[in-house]
Amino acid sequence: MSNKEIIGQIKKLVKLMELHGEKEFKIRTYQNAIQRIERIDGALSTFSEDELIKLDGIGKSIAALVKEISTNARPKELIDLEE
């Protein structure tokens, strides 16, 4: 999966979080992570979770989300919000 596709899934997740009234702090965290991820050189899908966590502005939950999207295309959290 390309970086653009991974970022697209995270952006979709953020929009649904806003619609469902998720906490503003969590939404901002995801938005900040998107900005950081957009500047990463190299394929995100090849990074391990540990490598992602070492990147500035990427925590455990965002790293896990990126890996989940890389392997499953759609994260469970996104599917839950869509339903």
C-alpha atoms as a PDB file:
ATOM      1  CA  MET A   1       0.000   0.000   0.000  1.00  0.00           C
ATOM      2  CA  SER A   2       1.369   3.416  -0.924  1.00  0.00           C
ATOM      3  CA  ASN A   3       1.966   6.278   1.504  1.00  0.00           C
ATOM      4  CA  LYS A   4      -0.777   8.233  -0.258  1.00  0.00           C
ATOM      5  CA  GLU A   5      -3.290   5.435   0.334  1.00  0.00           C
ATOM      6  CA  ILE A   6      -2.292   5.083   3.994  1.00  0.00           C
ATOM      7  CA  ILE A   7      -2.619   8.833   4.519  1.00  0.00           C
ATOM      8  CA  GLY A   8      -5.991   8.796   2.749  1.00  0.00           C
ATOM      9  CA  GLN A   9      -7.307   6.157   5.146  1.00  0.00           C
ATOM     10  CA  ILE A  10      -6.119   8.147   8.168  1.00  0.00           C
ATOM     11  CA  LYS A  11      -7.722  11.332   6.785  1.00  0.00           C
ATOM     12  CA  LYS A  12     -10.989   9.453   6.287  1.00  0.00           C
ATOM     13  CA  LEU A  13     -10.768   8.197   9.853  1.00  0.00           C
ATOM     14  CA  VAL A  14     -10.227  11.743  11.144  1.00  0.00           C
ATOM     15  CA  LYS A  15     -13.297  13.036   9.278  1.00  0.00           C
ATOM     16  CA  LEU A  16     -15.452  10.290  10.745  1.00  0.00           C
ATOM     17  CA  MET A  17     -14.041  10.950  14.211  1.00  0.00           C
ATOM     18  CA  GLU A  18     -15.088  14.596  13.846  1.00  0.00           C
ATOM     19  CA  LEU A  19     -18.583  13.567  12.755  1.00  0.00           C
ATOM     20  CA  HIS A  20     -18.923  11.208  15.716  1.00  0.00           C
ATOM     21  CA  GLY A  21     -17.785  13.838  18.211  1.00  0.00           C
ATOM     22  CA  GLU A  22     -14.499  12.205  19.163  1.00  0.00           C
ATOM     23  CA  LYS A  23     -12.303  14.123  21.611  1.00  0.00           C
ATOM     24  CA  GLU A  24     -10.640  17.133  19.989  1.00  0.00           C
ATOM     25  CA  PHE A  25      -7.250  16.170  21.426  1.00  0.00           C
ATOM     26  CA  LYS A  26      -7.341  12.791  19.672  1.00  0.00           C
ATOM     27  CA  ILE A  27      -8.384  14.377  16.384  1.00  0.00           C
ATOM     28  CA  ARG A  28      -5.539  16.917  16.582  1.00  0.00           C
ATOM     29  CA  THR A  29      -3.081  14.146  17.369  1.00  0.00           C
ATOM     30  CA  TYR A  30      -4.109  12.286  14.219  1.00  0.00           C
ATOM     31  CA  GLN A  31      -4.012  15.473  12.126  1.00  0.00           C
ATOM     32  CA  ASN A  32      -0.503  16.282  13.364  1.00  0.00           C
ATOM     33  CA  ALA A  33       0.588  12.729  12.607  1.00  0.00           C
ATOM     34  CA  ILE A  34      -0.740  13.056   9.054  1.00  0.00           C
ATOM     35  CA  GLN A  35       1.413  16.141   8.519  1.00  0.00           C
ATOM     36  CA  ARG A  36       4.477  14.317   9.820  1.00  0.00           C
ATOM     37  CA  ILE A  37       3.773  11.191   7.776  1.00  0.00           C
ATOM     38  CA  GLU A  38       3.373  13.221   4.590  1.00  0.00           C
ATOM     39  CA  ARG A  39       7.013  14.310   4.913  1.00  0.00           C
ATOM     40  CA  ILE A  40       8.449  10.824   5.371  1.00  0.00           C
ATOM     41  CA  ASP A  41      10.735   9.527   2.652  1.00  0.00           C
ATOM     42  CA  GLY A  42      10.337   5.844   1.949  1.00  0.00           C
ATOM     43  CA  ALA A  43       7.409   3.485   1.935  1.00  0.00           C
ATOM     44  CA  LEU A  44       5.548   3.524   5.241  1.00  0.00           C
ATOM     45  CA  SER A  45       4.474  -0.066   4.715  1.00  0.00           C
ATOM     46  CA  THR A  46       8.119  -1.175   5.006  1.00  0.00           C
ATOM     47  CA  PHE A  47       8.637   0.481   8.396  1.00  0.00           C
ATOM     48  CA  SER A  48       8.239  -1.596  11.555  1.00  0.00           C
ATOM     49  CA  GLU A  49       6.124  -0.227  14.392  1.00  0.00           C
ATOM     50  CA  ASP A  50       9.309   0.444  16.358  1.00  0.00           C
ATOM     51  CA  GLU A  51      10.781   2.431  13.462  1.00  0.00           C
ATOM     52  CA  LEU A  52       7.566   4.436  13.139  1.00  0.00           C
ATOM     53  CA  ILE A  53       7.493   5.215  16.871  1.00  0.00           C
ATOM     54  CA  LYS A  54      11.008   6.637  16.634  1.00  0.00           C
ATOM     55  CA  LEU A  55       9.772   9.256  14.141  1.00  0.00           C
ATOM     56  CA  ASP A  56       8.977  12.660  15.609  1.00  0.00           C
ATOM     57  CA  GLY A  57       5.256  13.033  16.314  1.00  0.00           C
ATOM     58  CA  ILE A  58       4.376   9.372  15.828  1.00  0.00           C
ATOM     59  CA  GLY A  59       3.287   7.508  18.934  1.00  0.00           C
ATOM     60  CA  LYS A  60       2.356   3.901  19.570  1.00  0.00           C
ATOM     61  CA  SER A  61      -1.277   4.254  18.503  1.00  0.00           C
ATOM     62  CA  ILE A  62      -0.439   6.006  15.213  1.00  0.00           C
ATOM     63  CA  ALA A  63       2.328   3.500  14.465  1.00  0.00           C
ATOM     64  CA  ALA A  64      -0.073   0.620  15.107  1.00  0.00           C
ATOM     65  CA  LEU A  65      -2.678   2.300  12.896  1.00  0.00           C
ATOM     66  CA  VAL A  66      -0.205   2.716  10.028  1.00  0.00           C
ATOM     67  CA  LYS A  67       0.811  -0.956  10.279  1.00  0.00           C
ATOM     68  CA  GLU A  68      -2.839  -2.058  10.428  1.00  0.00           C
ATOM     69  CA  ILE A  69      -3.672  -0.027   7.327  1.00  0.00           C
ATOM     70  CA  SER A  70      -0.574  -1.400   5.574  1.00  0.00           C
ATOM     71  CA  THR A  71      -1.709  -4.972   6.112  1.00  0.00           C
ATOM     72  CA  ASN A  72      -5.521  -4.745   6.137  1.00  0.00           C
ATOM     73  CA  ALA A  73      -6.179  -1.660   3.948  1.00  0.00           C
ATOM     74  CA  ARG A  74      -8.912  -0.499   6.340  1.00  0.00           C
ATOM     75  CA  PRO A  75      -8.372  -0.224  10.081  1.00  0.00           C
ATOM     76  CA  LYS A  76     -10.953  -1.658  12.465  1.00  0.00           C
ATOM     77  CA  GLU A  77     -11.537   1.778  13.978  1.00  0.00           C
ATOM     78  CA  LEU A  78     -12.520   3.124  10.550  1.00  0.00           C
ATOM     79  CA  ILE A  79     -14.854   0.203   9.891  1.00  0.00           C
ATOM     80  CA  ASP A  80     -16.503   0.686  13.304  1.00  0.00           C
ATOM     81  CA  LEU A  81     -17.094   4.399  12.678  1.00  0.00           C
ATOM     82  CA  GLU A  82     -18.498   3.730   9.204  1.00  0.00           C
ATOM     83  CA  GLU A  83     -21.027   1.299  10.633  1.00  0.00           C
END
